[in-house]
């Protein structure tokens, strides 16, 4: 069997495996109030910067992350400026499964970027 005959089968299998990890709902939800209360905004994009809407921007008090089967997890960076610019200087919070994220000490987030990560073996 030639490689070009096997390649479509490999691609279909890899695509099916990745599709199982794509969340059905939001990857993260940011809330205006602590403890996941009040107005909220759902982040549905992975690996892209998302600008927060006017009713949430500058007032993010908690973040709820989508749960994935081990070894995968979601991590989000919240930025104090628009469009996740100058990440080193503007990240105000890293939301990960290590924290409850029910109360953020700095509520000035204006944009967010989330990633799907994998724990190392």
PDB file of N, CA and C in Angstrom:
ATOM      1  N   UNK A   1       0.847  -1.170   0.000  1.00  0.00           N
ATOM      2  CA  UNK A   1       0.000   0.000   0.000  1.00  0.00           C
ATOM      3  C   UNK A   1       0.895   1.236   0.000  1.00  0.00           C
ATOM      4  N   UNK A   2       0.532   2.220  -0.778  1.00  0.00           N
ATOM      5  CA  UNK A   2       1.328   3.432  -0.900  1.00  0.00           C
ATOM      6  C   UNK A   2       0.905   4.458   0.142  1.00  0.00           C
ATOM      7  N   UNK A   3       1.840   5.344   0.456  1.00  0.00           N
ATOM      8  CA  UNK A   3       1.587   6.374   1.463  1.00  0.00           C
ATOM      9  C   UNK A   3       0.383   7.232   1.099  1.00  0.00           C
ATOM     10  N   UNK A   4       0.248   7.594  -0.187  1.00  0.00           N
ATOM     11  CA  UNK A   4      -0.874   8.453  -0.579  1.00  0.00           C
ATOM     12  C   UNK A   4      -2.218   7.733  -0.450  1.00  0.00           C
ATOM     13  N   UNK A   5      -2.214   6.406  -0.357  1.00  0.00           N
ATOM     14  CA  UNK A   5      -3.448   5.668  -0.114  1.00  0.00           C
ATOM     15  C   UNK A   5      -3.774   5.604   1.377  1.00  0.00           C
ATOM     16  N   UNK A   6      -2.749   5.624   2.211  1.00  0.00           N
ATOM     17  CA  UNK A   6      -2.928   5.554   3.663  1.00  0.00           C
ATOM     18  C   UNK A   6      -3.249   6.921   4.255  1.00  0.00           C
ATOM     19  N   UNK A   7      -2.705   7.974   3.674  1.00  0.00           N
ATOM     20  CA  UNK A   7      -2.844   9.324   4.221  1.00  0.00           C
ATOM     21  C   UNK A   7      -4.292   9.726   4.499  1.00  0.00           C
ATOM     22  N   UNK A   8      -5.250   9.510   3.576  1.00  0.00           N
ATOM     23  CA  UNK A   8      -6.637   9.890   3.904  1.00  0.00           C
ATOM     24  C   UNK A   8      -7.172   9.191   5.152  1.00  0.00           C
ATOM     25  N   UNK A   9      -6.822   7.931   5.352  1.00  0.00           N
ATOM     26  CA  UNK A   9      -7.274   7.195   6.545  1.00  0.00           C
ATOM     27  C   UNK A   9      -6.676   7.781   7.817  1.00  0.00           C
ATOM     28  N   UNK A  10      -5.401   8.150   7.755  1.00  0.00           N
ATOM     29  CA  UNK A  10      -4.731   8.753   8.907  1.00  0.00           C
ATOM     30  C   UNK A  10      -5.364  10.093   9.238  1.00  0.00           C
ATOM     31  N   UNK A  11      -5.635  10.907   8.221  1.00  0.00           N
ATOM     32  CA  UNK A  11      -6.234  12.221   8.452  1.00  0.00           C
ATOM     33  C   UNK A  11      -7.629  12.106   9.042  1.00  0.00           C
ATOM     34  N   UNK A  12      -8.422  11.166   8.569  1.00  0.00           N
ATOM     35  CA  UNK A  12      -9.767  10.972   9.109  1.00  0.00           C
ATOM     36  C   UNK A  12      -9.695  10.552  10.572  1.00  0.00           C
ATOM     37  N   UNK A  13      -8.799   9.652  10.920  1.00  0.00           N
ATOM     38  CA  UNK A  13      -8.647   9.203  12.309  1.00  0.00           C
ATOM     39  C   UNK A  13      -8.191  10.334  13.208  1.00  0.00           C
ATOM     40  N   UNK A  14      -7.220  11.120  12.757  1.00  0.00           N
ATOM     41  CA  UNK A  14      -6.717  12.241  13.557  1.00  0.00           C
ATOM     42  C   UNK A  14      -7.789  13.294  13.736  1.00  0.00           C
ATOM     43  N   UNK A  15      -8.551  13.577  12.693  1.00  0.00           N
ATOM     44  CA  UNK A  15      -9.623  14.568  12.780  1.00  0.00           C
ATOM     45  C   UNK A  15     -10.699  14.111  13.754  1.00  0.00           C
ATOM     46  N   UNK A  16     -11.047  12.843  13.732  1.00  0.00           N
ATOM     47  CA  UNK A  16     -12.058  12.316  14.656  1.00  0.00           C
ATOM     48  C   UNK A  16     -11.584  12.410  16.101  1.00  0.00           C
ATOM     49  N   UNK A  17     -10.310  12.147  16.357  1.00  0.00           N
ATOM     50  CA  UNK A  17      -9.767  12.230  17.720  1.00  0.00           C
ATOM     51  C   UNK A  17      -9.806  13.656  18.233  1.00  0.00           C
ATOM     52  N   UNK A  18      -9.434  14.614  17.402  1.00  0.00           N
ATOM     53  CA  UNK A  18      -9.455  16.021  17.816  1.00  0.00           C
ATOM     54  C   UNK A  18     -10.885  16.494  18.001  1.00  0.00           C
ATOM     55  N   UNK A  19     -11.803  16.056  17.160  1.00  0.00           N
ATOM     56  CA  UNK A  19     -13.198  16.483  17.256  1.00  0.00           C
ATOM     57  C   UNK A  19     -13.814  16.100  18.593  1.00  0.00           C
ATOM     58  N   UNK A  20     -13.361  15.013  19.204  1.00  0.00           N
ATOM     59  CA  UNK A  20     -13.882  14.611  20.507  1.00  0.00           C
ATOM     60  C   UNK A  20     -13.508  15.610  21.595  1.00  0.00           C
ATOM     61  N   UNK A  21     -12.456  16.405  21.379  1.00  0.00           N
ATOM     62  CA  UNK A  21     -12.005  17.355  22.389  1.00  0.00           C
ATOM     63  C   UNK A  21     -12.639  18.729  22.242  1.00  0.00           C
ATOM     64  N   UNK A  22     -13.235  19.014  21.096  1.00  0.00           N
ATOM     65  CA  UNK A  22     -13.814  20.333  20.880  1.00  0.00           C
ATOM     66  C   UNK A  22     -15.053  20.460  21.756  1.00  0.00           C
ATOM     67  N   UNK A  23     -15.120  21.519  22.564  1.00  0.00           N
ATOM     68  CA  UNK A  23     -16.245  21.651  23.483  1.00  0.00           C
ATOM     69  C   UNK A  23     -17.556  21.903  22.753  1.00  0.00           C
ATOM     70  N   UNK A  24     -18.637  21.367  23.312  1.00  0.00           N
ATOM     71  CA  UNK A  24     -19.958  21.595  22.761  1.00  0.00           C
ATOM     72  C   UNK A  24     -20.413  22.995  23.141  1.00  0.00           C
ATOM     73  N   UNK A  25     -20.109  23.416  24.347  1.00  0.00           N
ATOM     74  CA  UNK A  25     -20.474  24.737  24.824  1.00  0.00           C
ATOM     75  C   UNK A  25     -19.275  25.665  24.799  1.00  0.00           C
ATOM     76  N   UNK A  26     -19.321  26.695  25.600  1.00  0.00           N
ATOM     77  CA  UNK A  26     -18.209  27.654  25.635  1.00  0.00           C
ATOM     78  C   UNK A  26     -16.950  27.053  26.259  1.00  0.00           C
ATOM     79  N   UNK A  27     -15.803  27.501  25.810  1.00  0.00           N
ATOM     80  CA  UNK A  27     -14.528  27.058  26.382  1.00  0.00           C
ATOM     81  C   UNK A  27     -14.340  27.696  27.762  1.00  0.00           C
ATOM     82  N   UNK A  28     -14.878  28.906  27.923  1.00  0.00           N
ATOM     83  CA  UNK A  28     -14.838  29.615  29.206  1.00  0.00           C
ATOM     84  C   UNK A  28     -16.000  30.605  29.239  1.00  0.00           C
ATOM     85  N   UNK A  29     -16.434  30.939  30.443  1.00  0.00           N
ATOM     86  CA  UNK A  29     -17.458  31.963  30.622  1.00  0.00           C
ATOM     87  C   UNK A  29     -16.949  32.951  31.655  1.00  0.00           C
ATOM     88  N   UNK A  30     -16.941  34.234  31.296  1.00  0.00           N
ATOM     89  CA  UNK A  30     -16.511  35.279  32.234  1.00  0.00           C
ATOM     90  C   UNK A  30     -17.760  35.933  32.826  1.00  0.00           C
ATOM     91  N   UNK A  31     -17.690  36.222  34.123  1.00  0.00           N
ATOM     92  CA  UNK A  31     -18.826  36.783  34.852  1.00  0.00           C
ATOM     93  C   UNK A  31     -18.471  38.135  35.440  1.00  0.00           C
ATOM     94  N   UNK A  32     -19.475  38.983  35.515  1.00  0.00           N
ATOM     95  CA  UNK A  32     -19.288  40.326  36.061  1.00  0.00           C
ATOM     96  C   UNK A  32     -19.195  40.310  37.588  1.00  0.00           C
ATOM     97  N   UNK A  33     -19.777  39.318  38.218  1.00  0.00           N
ATOM     98  CA  UNK A  33     -19.789  39.223  39.679  1.00  0.00           C
ATOM     99  C   UNK A  33     -18.972  38.011  40.138  1.00  0.00           C
ATOM    100  N   UNK A  34     -18.483  38.026  41.390  1.00  0.00           N
ATOM    101  CA  UNK A  34     -17.794  36.848  41.935  1.00  0.00           C
ATOM    102  C   UNK A  34     -18.728  35.640  41.987  1.00  0.00           C
ATOM    103  N   UNK A  35     -18.133  34.469  42.127  1.00  0.00           N
ATOM    104  CA  UNK A  35     -18.873  33.207  42.272  1.00  0.00           C
ATOM    105  C   UNK A  35     -19.792  32.914  41.089  1.00  0.00           C
ATOM    106  N   UNK A  36     -19.374  33.328  39.894  1.00  0.00           N
ATOM    107  CA  UNK A  36     -20.075  33.004  38.652  1.00  0.00           C
ATOM    108  C   UNK A  36     -21.504  33.538  38.637  1.00  0.00           C
ATOM    109  N   UNK A  37     -21.664  34.773  39.059  1.00  0.00           N
ATOM    110  CA  UNK A  37     -22.972  35.418  39.124  1.00  0.00           C
ATOM    111  C   UNK A  37     -23.001  36.641  38.211  1.00  0.00           C
ATOM    112  N   UNK A  38     -24.210  37.095  37.911  1.00  0.00           N
ATOM    113  CA  UNK A  38     -24.399  38.335  37.165  1.00  0.00           C
ATOM    114  C   UNK A  38     -24.246  38.164  35.657  1.00  0.00           C
ATOM    115  N   UNK A  39     -24.097  39.299  34.995  1.00  0.00           N
ATOM    116  CA  UNK A  39     -23.940  39.275  33.542  1.00  0.00           C
ATOM    117  C   UNK A  39     -22.728  38.447  33.180  1.00  0.00           C
ATOM    118  N   UNK A  40     -22.828  37.772  32.049  1.00  0.00           N
ATOM    119  CA  UNK A  40     -21.727  36.902  31.651  1.00  0.00           C
ATOM    120  C   UNK A  40     -21.538  36.921  30.137  1.00  0.00           C
ATOM    121  N   UNK A  41     -20.397  36.416  29.729  1.00  0.00           N
ATOM    122  CA  UNK A  41     -20.037  36.338  28.314  1.00  0.00           C
ATOM    123  C   UNK A  41     -19.330  35.015  28.079  1.00  0.00           C
ATOM    124  N   UNK A  42     -19.754  34.289  27.059  1.00  0.00           N
ATOM    125  CA  UNK A  42     -19.161  32.992  26.741  1.00  0.00           C
ATOM    126  C   UNK A  42     -18.072  33.140  25.688  1.00  0.00           C
ATOM    127  N   UNK A  43     -16.927  32.553  25.978  1.00  0.00           N
ATOM    128  CA  UNK A  43     -15.794  32.553  25.053  1.00  0.00           C
ATOM    129  C   UNK A  43     -15.830  31.228  24.305  1.00  0.00           C
ATOM    130  N   UNK A  44     -16.012  31.282  22.997  1.00  0.00           N
ATOM    131  CA  UNK A  44     -16.137  30.069  22.212  1.00  0.00           C
ATOM    132  C   UNK A  44     -14.956  29.763  21.317  1.00  0.00           C
ATOM    133  N   UNK A  45     -13.927  30.601  21.346  1.00  0.00           N
ATOM    134  CA  UNK A  45     -12.777  30.404  20.463  1.00  0.00           C
ATOM    135  C   UNK A  45     -11.558  29.953  21.253  1.00  0.00           C
ATOM    136  N   UNK A  46     -10.809  29.027  20.674  1.00  0.00           N
ATOM    137  CA  UNK A  46      -9.573  28.542  21.279  1.00  0.00           C
ATOM    138  C   UNK A  46      -8.408  29.090  20.466  1.00  0.00           C
ATOM    139  N   UNK A  47      -7.394  29.602  21.161  1.00  0.00           N
ATOM    140  CA  UNK A  47      -6.190  30.066  20.487  1.00  0.00           C
ATOM    141  C   UNK A  47      -6.313  31.412  19.811  1.00  0.00           C
ATOM    142  N   UNK A  48      -7.367  32.152  20.088  1.00  0.00           N
ATOM    143  CA  UNK A  48      -7.554  33.479  19.511  1.00  0.00           C
ATOM    144  C   UNK A  48      -7.883  34.468  20.618  1.00  0.00           C
ATOM    145  N   UNK A  49      -7.528  35.709  20.369  1.00  0.00           N
ATOM    146  CA  UNK A  49      -7.882  36.766  21.311  1.00  0.00           C
ATOM    147  C   UNK A  49      -9.340  37.151  21.094  1.00  0.00           C
ATOM    148  N   UNK A  50     -10.076  37.294  22.189  1.00  0.00           N
ATOM    149  CA  UNK A  50     -11.480  37.687  22.122  1.00  0.00           C
ATOM    150  C   UNK A  50     -11.646  38.977  22.917  1.00  0.00           C
ATOM    151  N   UNK A  51     -12.196  39.983  22.270  1.00  0.00           N
ATOM    152  CA  UNK A  51     -12.488  41.253  22.923  1.00  0.00           C
ATOM    153  C   UNK A  51     -13.760  41.084  23.752  1.00  0.00           C
ATOM    154  N   UNK A  52     -13.741  41.508  25.005  1.00  0.00           N
ATOM    155  CA  UNK A  52     -14.922  41.387  25.860  1.00  0.00           C
ATOM    156  C   UNK A  52     -15.946  42.461  25.500  1.00  0.00           C
ATOM    157  N   UNK A  53     -17.244  42.150  25.615  1.00  0.00           N
ATOM    158  CA  UNK A  53     -18.285  43.123  25.274  1.00  0.00           C
ATOM    159  C   UNK A  53     -18.379  44.240  26.315  1.00  0.00           C
ATOM    160  N   UNK A  54     -19.035  45.318  25.932  1.00  0.00           N
ATOM    161  CA  UNK A  54     -19.135  46.511  26.781  1.00  0.00           C
ATOM    162  C   UNK A  54     -19.736  46.238  28.154  1.00  0.00           C
ATOM    163  N   UNK A  55     -20.701  45.315  28.263  1.00  0.00           N
ATOM    164  CA  UNK A  55     -21.344  45.085  29.563  1.00  0.00           C
ATOM    165  C   UNK A  55     -20.488  44.255  30.521  1.00  0.00           C
ATOM    166  N   UNK A  56     -19.334  43.751  30.055  1.00  0.00           N
ATOM    167  CA  UNK A  56     -18.432  42.950  30.890  1.00  0.00           C
ATOM    168  C   UNK A  56     -17.053  43.595  31.007  1.00  0.00           C
ATOM    169  N   UNK A  57     -16.628  44.281  29.968  1.00  0.00           N
ATOM    170  CA  UNK A  57     -15.262  44.809  29.903  1.00  0.00           C
ATOM    171  C   UNK A  57     -14.932  45.652  31.140  1.00  0.00           C
ATOM    172  N   UNK A  58     -13.778  45.376  31.731  1.00  0.00           N
ATOM    173  CA  UNK A  58     -13.336  46.114  32.911  1.00  0.00           C
ATOM    174  C   UNK A  58     -14.021  45.719  34.199  1.00  0.00           C
ATOM    175  N   UNK A  59     -14.857  44.682  34.156  1.00  0.00           N
ATOM    176  CA  UNK A  59     -15.618  44.280  35.348  1.00  0.00           C
ATOM    177  C   UNK A  59     -15.686  42.760  35.501  1.00  0.00           C
ATOM    178  N   UNK A  60     -14.652  42.040  35.077  1.00  0.00           N
ATOM    179  CA  UNK A  60     -14.654  40.578  35.162  1.00  0.00           C
ATOM    180  C   UNK A  60     -14.262  40.162  36.579  1.00  0.00           C
ATOM    181  N   UNK A  61     -15.172  39.490  37.277  1.00  0.00           N
ATOM    182  CA  UNK A  61     -14.922  39.094  38.663  1.00  0.00           C
ATOM    183  C   UNK A  61     -14.730  37.598  38.851  1.00  0.00           C
ATOM    184  N   UNK A  62     -15.154  36.778  37.880  1.00  0.00           N
ATOM    185  CA  UNK A  62     -14.944  35.332  37.976  1.00  0.00           C
ATOM    186  C   UNK A  62     -14.942  34.716  36.578  1.00  0.00           C
ATOM    187  N   UNK A  63     -14.313  33.541  36.483  1.00  0.00           N
ATOM    188  CA  UNK A  63     -14.188  32.833  35.201  1.00  0.00           C
ATOM    189  C   UNK A  63     -14.468  31.354  35.428  1.00  0.00           C
ATOM    190  N   UNK A  64     -15.396  30.793  34.659  1.00  0.00           N
ATOM    191  CA  UNK A  64     -15.680  29.356  34.726  1.00  0.00           C
ATOM    192  C   UNK A  64     -15.117  28.711  33.460  1.00  0.00           C
ATOM    193  N   UNK A  65     -14.298  27.674  33.646  1.00  0.00           N
ATOM    194  CA  UNK A  65     -13.641  26.999  32.537  1.00  0.00           C
ATOM    195  C   UNK A  65     -14.349  25.701  32.171  1.00  0.00           C
ATOM    196  N   UNK A  66     -14.371  25.388  30.885  1.00  0.00           N
ATOM    197  CA  UNK A  66     -14.911  24.110  30.404  1.00  0.00           C
ATOM    198  C   UNK A  66     -14.023  22.980  30.914  1.00  0.00           C
ATOM    199  N   UNK A  67     -14.617  21.894  31.366  1.00  0.00           N
ATOM    200  CA  UNK A  67     -13.865  20.733  31.842  1.00  0.00           C
ATOM    201  C   UNK A  67     -13.670  19.738  30.702  1.00  0.00           C
ATOM    202  N   UNK A  68     -12.478  19.176  30.615  1.00  0.00           N
ATOM    203  CA  UNK A  68     -12.147  18.174  29.608  1.00  0.00           C
ATOM    204  C   UNK A  68     -11.640  16.925  30.302  1.00  0.00           C
ATOM    205  N   UNK A  69     -11.721  15.782  29.632  1.00  0.00           N
ATOM    206  CA  UNK A  69     -11.150  14.564  30.211  1.00  0.00           C
ATOM    207  C   UNK A  69      -9.635  14.694  30.324  1.00  0.00           C
ATOM    208  N   UNK A  70      -9.066  14.096  31.361  1.00  0.00           N
ATOM    209  CA  UNK A  70      -7.609  14.080  31.514  1.00  0.00           C
ATOM    210  C   UNK A  70      -6.982  13.466  30.274  1.00  0.00           C
ATOM    211  N   UNK A  71      -5.875  13.925  29.817  1.00  0.00           N
ATOM    212  CA  UNK A  71      -4.928  14.864  30.409  1.00  0.00           C
ATOM    213  C   UNK A  71      -5.102  16.294  29.910  1.00  0.00           C
ATOM    214  N   UNK A  72      -6.260  16.645  29.345  1.00  0.00           N
ATOM    215  CA  UNK A  72      -6.453  17.963  28.752  1.00  0.00           C
ATOM    216  C   UNK A  72      -7.078  18.936  29.743  1.00  0.00           C
ATOM    217  N   UNK A  73      -6.752  20.210  29.581  1.00  0.00           N
ATOM    218  CA  UNK A  73      -7.333  21.258  30.418  1.00  0.00           C
ATOM    219  C   UNK A  73      -7.306  22.590  29.675  1.00  0.00           C
ATOM    220  N   UNK A  74      -8.176  23.489  30.098  1.00  0.00           N
ATOM    221  CA  UNK A  74      -8.269  24.824  29.513  1.00  0.00           C
ATOM    222  C   UNK A  74      -7.514  25.798  30.403  1.00  0.00           C
ATOM    223  N   UNK A  75      -6.802  26.718  29.782  1.00  0.00           N
ATOM    224  CA  UNK A  75      -6.163  27.825  30.496  1.00  0.00           C
ATOM    225  C   UNK A  75      -6.447  29.100  29.708  1.00  0.00           C
ATOM    226  N   UNK A  76      -6.805  30.154  30.417  1.00  0.00           N
ATOM    227  CA  UNK A  76      -7.107  31.429  29.765  1.00  0.00           C
ATOM    228  C   UNK A  76      -6.274  32.540  30.390  1.00  0.00           C
ATOM    229  N   UNK A  77      -5.838  33.462  29.555  1.00  0.00           N
ATOM    230  CA  UNK A  77      -5.142  34.660  30.029  1.00  0.00           C
ATOM    231  C   UNK A  77      -6.078  35.842  29.840  1.00  0.00           C
ATOM    232  N   UNK A  78      -6.259  36.612  30.907  1.00  0.00           N
ATOM    233  CA  UNK A  78      -7.070  37.821  30.830  1.00  0.00           C
ATOM    234  C   UNK A  78      -6.135  39.015  30.740  1.00  0.00           C
ATOM    235  N   UNK A  79      -6.445  39.930  29.840  1.00  0.00           N
ATOM    236  CA  UNK A  79      -5.578  41.074  29.556  1.00  0.00           C
ATOM    237  C   UNK A  79      -6.251  42.380  29.956  1.00  0.00           C
ATOM    238  N   UNK A  80      -5.444  43.325  30.418  1.00  0.00           N
ATOM    239  CA  UNK A  80      -5.961  44.627  30.836  1.00  0.00           C
ATOM    240  C   UNK A  80      -6.074  45.602  29.673  1.00  0.00           C
ATOM    241  N   UNK A  81      -5.769  45.135  28.460  1.00  0.00           N
ATOM    242  CA  UNK A  81      -5.902  46.013  27.298  1.00  0.00           C
ATOM    243  C   UNK A  81      -6.699  45.298  26.211  1.00  0.00           C
ATOM    244  N   UNK A  82      -6.985  46.027  25.142  1.00  0.00           N
ATOM    245  CA  UNK A  82      -7.758  45.467  24.045  1.00  0.00           C
ATOM    246  C   UNK A  82      -6.912  44.549  23.177  1.00  0.00           C
ATOM    247  N   UNK A  83      -7.518  43.506  22.678  1.00  0.00           N
ATOM    248  CA  UNK A  83      -6.930  42.612  21.678  1.00  0.00           C
ATOM    249  C   UNK A  83      -5.660  41.911  22.144  1.00  0.00           C
ATOM    250  N   UNK A  84      -5.534  41.659  23.434  1.00  0.00           N
ATOM    251  CA  UNK A  84      -4.425  40.872  23.998  1.00  0.00           C
ATOM    252  C   UNK A  84      -3.058  41.415  23.594  1.00  0.00           C
ATOM    253  N   UNK A  85      -2.943  42.712  23.477  1.00  0.00           N
ATOM    254  CA  UNK A  85      -1.682  43.324  23.065  1.00  0.00           C
ATOM    255  C   UNK A  85      -0.673  43.302  24.194  1.00  0.00           C
ATOM    256  N   UNK A  86       0.597  43.226  23.827  1.00  0.00           N
ATOM    257  CA  UNK A  86       1.720  43.259  24.767  1.00  0.00           C
ATOM    258  C   UNK A  86       1.484  42.299  25.931  1.00  0.00           C
ATOM    259  N   UNK A  87       1.416  41.000  25.637  1.00  0.00           N
ATOM    260  CA  UNK A  87       1.047  40.031  26.671  1.00  0.00           C
ATOM    261  C   UNK A  87       1.887  40.074  27.935  1.00  0.00           C
ATOM    262  N   UNK A  88       3.171  40.296  27.816  1.00  0.00           N
ATOM    263  CA  UNK A  88       4.030  40.258  29.004  1.00  0.00           C
ATOM    264  C   UNK A  88       3.665  41.345  30.004  1.00  0.00           C
ATOM    265  N   UNK A  89       3.230  42.478  29.526  1.00  0.00           N
ATOM    266  CA  UNK A  89       2.950  43.604  30.413  1.00  0.00           C
ATOM    267  C   UNK A  89       1.489  43.712  30.819  1.00  0.00           C
ATOM    268  N   UNK A  90       0.601  43.034  30.119  1.00  0.00           N
ATOM    269  CA  UNK A  90      -0.814  43.288  30.358  1.00  0.00           C
ATOM    270  C   UNK A  90      -1.619  42.106  30.897  1.00  0.00           C
ATOM    271  N   UNK A  91      -1.010  40.947  31.087  1.00  0.00           N
ATOM    272  CA  UNK A  91      -1.765  39.819  31.649  1.00  0.00           C
ATOM    273  C   UNK A  91      -2.055  40.110  33.120  1.00  0.00           C
ATOM    274  N   UNK A  92      -3.325  40.046  33.479  1.00  0.00           N
ATOM    275  CA  UNK A  92      -3.688  40.320  34.873  1.00  0.00           C
ATOM    276  C   UNK A  92      -4.094  39.050  35.617  1.00  0.00           C
ATOM    277  N   UNK A  93      -4.399  37.974  34.894  1.00  0.00           N
ATOM    278  CA  UNK A  93      -4.809  36.740  35.559  1.00  0.00           C
ATOM    279  C   UNK A  93      -4.698  35.577  34.589  1.00  0.00           C
ATOM    280  N   UNK A  94      -4.185  34.450  35.090  1.00  0.00           N
ATOM    281  CA  UNK A  94      -4.209  33.200  34.347  1.00  0.00           C
ATOM    282  C   UNK A  94      -5.251  32.306  34.992  1.00  0.00           C
ATOM    283  N   UNK A  95      -6.315  32.029  34.285  1.00  0.00           N
ATOM    284  CA  UNK A  95      -7.361  31.150  34.795  1.00  0.00           C
ATOM    285  C   UNK A  95      -7.029  29.720  34.395  1.00  0.00           C
ATOM    286  N   UNK A  96      -6.789  28.868  35.370  1.00  0.00           N
ATOM    287  CA  UNK A  96      -6.515  27.455  35.118  1.00  0.00           C
ATOM    288  C   UNK A  96      -7.330  26.618  36.091  1.00  0.00           C
ATOM    289  N   UNK A  97      -7.328  25.317  35.879  1.00  0.00           N
ATOM    290  CA  UNK A  97      -8.065  24.406  36.756  1.00  0.00           C
ATOM    291  C   UNK A  97      -7.450  24.326  38.151  1.00  0.00           C
ATOM    292  N   UNK A  98      -6.249  24.870  38.338  1.00  0.00           N
ATOM    293  CA  UNK A  98      -5.617  24.868  39.657  1.00  0.00           C
ATOM    294  C   UNK A  98      -6.330  25.788  40.640  1.00  0.00           C
ATOM    295  N   UNK A  99      -7.081  26.757  40.121  1.00  0.00           N
ATOM    296  CA  UNK A  99      -7.787  27.730  40.949  1.00  0.00           C
ATOM    297  C   UNK A  99      -9.287  27.606  40.699  1.00  0.00           C
ATOM    298  N   UNK A 100     -10.088  28.030  41.676  1.00  0.00           N
ATOM    299  CA  UNK A 100     -11.534  28.022  41.461  1.00  0.00           C
ATOM    300  C   UNK A 100     -11.950  29.147  40.525  1.00  0.00           C
ATOM    301  N   UNK A 101     -11.172  30.223  40.469  1.00  0.00           N
ATOM    302  CA  UNK A 101     -11.459  31.381  39.614  1.00  0.00           C
ATOM    303  C   UNK A 101     -12.800  32.024  39.950  1.00  0.00           C
ATOM    304  N   UNK A 102     -13.293  31.807  41.174  1.00  0.00           N
ATOM    305  CA  UNK A 102     -14.582  32.347  41.590  1.00  0.00           C
ATOM    306  C   UNK A 102     -14.482  33.805  42.028  1.00  0.00           C
ATOM    307  N   UNK A 103     -13.270  34.256  42.315  1.00  0.00           N
ATOM    308  CA  UNK A 103     -13.069  35.653  42.706  1.00  0.00           C
ATOM    309  C   UNK A 103     -11.720  36.106  42.153  1.00  0.00           C
ATOM    310  N   UNK A 104     -11.735  37.063  41.247  1.00  0.00           N
ATOM    311  CA  UNK A 104     -10.495  37.578  40.675  1.00  0.00           C
ATOM    312  C   UNK A 104     -10.083  38.846  41.411  1.00  0.00           C
ATOM    313  N   UNK A 105      -8.824  38.957  41.801  1.00  0.00           N
ATOM    314  CA  UNK A 105      -8.368  40.128  42.544  1.00  0.00           C
ATOM    315  C   UNK A 105      -8.320  41.400  41.705  1.00  0.00           C
ATOM    316  N   UNK A 106      -8.221  41.269  40.386  1.00  0.00           N
ATOM    317  CA  UNK A 106      -8.181  42.428  39.487  1.00  0.00           C
ATOM    318  C   UNK A 106      -9.280  42.234  38.449  1.00  0.00           C
ATOM    319  N   UNK A 107     -10.237  43.152  38.407  1.00  0.00           N
ATOM    320  CA  UNK A 107     -11.399  42.995  37.526  1.00  0.00           C
ATOM    321  C   UNK A 107     -11.281  43.772  36.220  1.00  0.00           C
ATOM    322  N   UNK A 108     -10.104  44.300  35.908  1.00  0.00           N
ATOM    323  CA  UNK A 108      -9.963  45.225  34.777  1.00  0.00           C
ATOM    324  C   UNK A 108      -9.779  44.563  33.411  1.00  0.00           C
ATOM    325  N   UNK A 109     -10.136  43.303  33.259  1.00  0.00           N
ATOM    326  CA  UNK A 109      -9.927  42.602  31.983  1.00  0.00           C
ATOM    327  C   UNK A 109     -10.715  43.245  30.848  1.00  0.00           C
ATOM    328  N   UNK A 110     -10.051  43.353  29.700  1.00  0.00           N
ATOM    329  CA  UNK A 110     -10.669  43.900  28.492  1.00  0.00           C
ATOM    330  C   UNK A 110     -10.696  42.879  27.351  1.00  0.00           C
ATOM    331  N   UNK A 111      -9.806  41.879  27.428  1.00  0.00           N
ATOM    332  CA  UNK A 111      -9.761  40.836  26.399  1.00  0.00           C
ATOM    333  C   UNK A 111      -9.273  39.537  27.031  1.00  0.00           C
ATOM    334  N   UNK A 112      -9.513  38.427  26.332  1.00  0.00           N
ATOM    335  CA  UNK A 112      -9.178  37.111  26.866  1.00  0.00           C
ATOM    336  C   UNK A 112      -8.714  36.197  25.731  1.00  0.00           C
ATOM    337  N   UNK A 113      -7.791  35.316  26.068  1.00  0.00           N
ATOM    338  CA  UNK A 113      -7.311  34.317  25.117  1.00  0.00           C
ATOM    339  C   UNK A 113      -7.233  32.979  25.850  1.00  0.00           C
ATOM    340  N   UNK A 114      -7.845  31.938  25.281  1.00  0.00           N
ATOM    341  CA  UNK A 114      -7.877  30.620  25.921  1.00  0.00           C
ATOM    342  C   UNK A 114      -7.195  29.579  25.042  1.00  0.00           C
ATOM    343  N   UNK A 115      -6.595  28.592  25.706  1.00  0.00           N
ATOM    344  CA  UNK A 115      -5.929  27.499  25.004  1.00  0.00           C
ATOM    345  C   UNK A 115      -6.359  26.172  25.616  1.00  0.00           C
ATOM    346  N   UNK A 116      -6.312  25.145  24.789  1.00  0.00           N
ATOM    347  CA  UNK A 116      -6.511  23.785  25.260  1.00  0.00           C
ATOM    348  C   UNK A 116      -5.131  23.176  25.407  1.00  0.00           C
ATOM    349  N   UNK A 117      -4.774  22.790  26.619  1.00  0.00           N
ATOM    350  CA  UNK A 117      -3.443  22.264  26.919  1.00  0.00           C
ATOM    351  C   UNK A 117      -3.522  20.802  27.320  1.00  0.00           C
ATOM    352  N   UNK A 118      -2.353  20.177  27.387  1.00  0.00           N
ATOM    353  CA  UNK A 118      -2.269  18.781  27.792  1.00  0.00           C
ATOM    354  C   UNK A 118      -1.208  18.643  28.872  1.00  0.00           C
ATOM    355  N   UNK A 119      -1.575  17.950  29.976  1.00  0.00           N
ATOM    356  CA  UNK A 119      -0.603  17.670  31.030  1.00  0.00           C
ATOM    357  C   UNK A 119       0.498  16.784  30.476  1.00  0.00           C
ATOM    358  N   UNK A 120       1.712  17.010  30.933  1.00  0.00           N
ATOM    359  CA  UNK A 120       2.822  16.158  30.525  1.00  0.00           C
ATOM    360  C   UNK A 120       2.740  14.828  31.263  1.00  0.00           C
ATOM    361  N   UNK A 121       3.135  13.739  30.607  1.00  0.00           N
ATOM    362  CA  UNK A 121       3.055  12.429  31.277  1.00  0.00           C
ATOM    363  C   UNK A 121       4.032  12.314  32.422  1.00  0.00           C
TER     364      UNK A 121
END
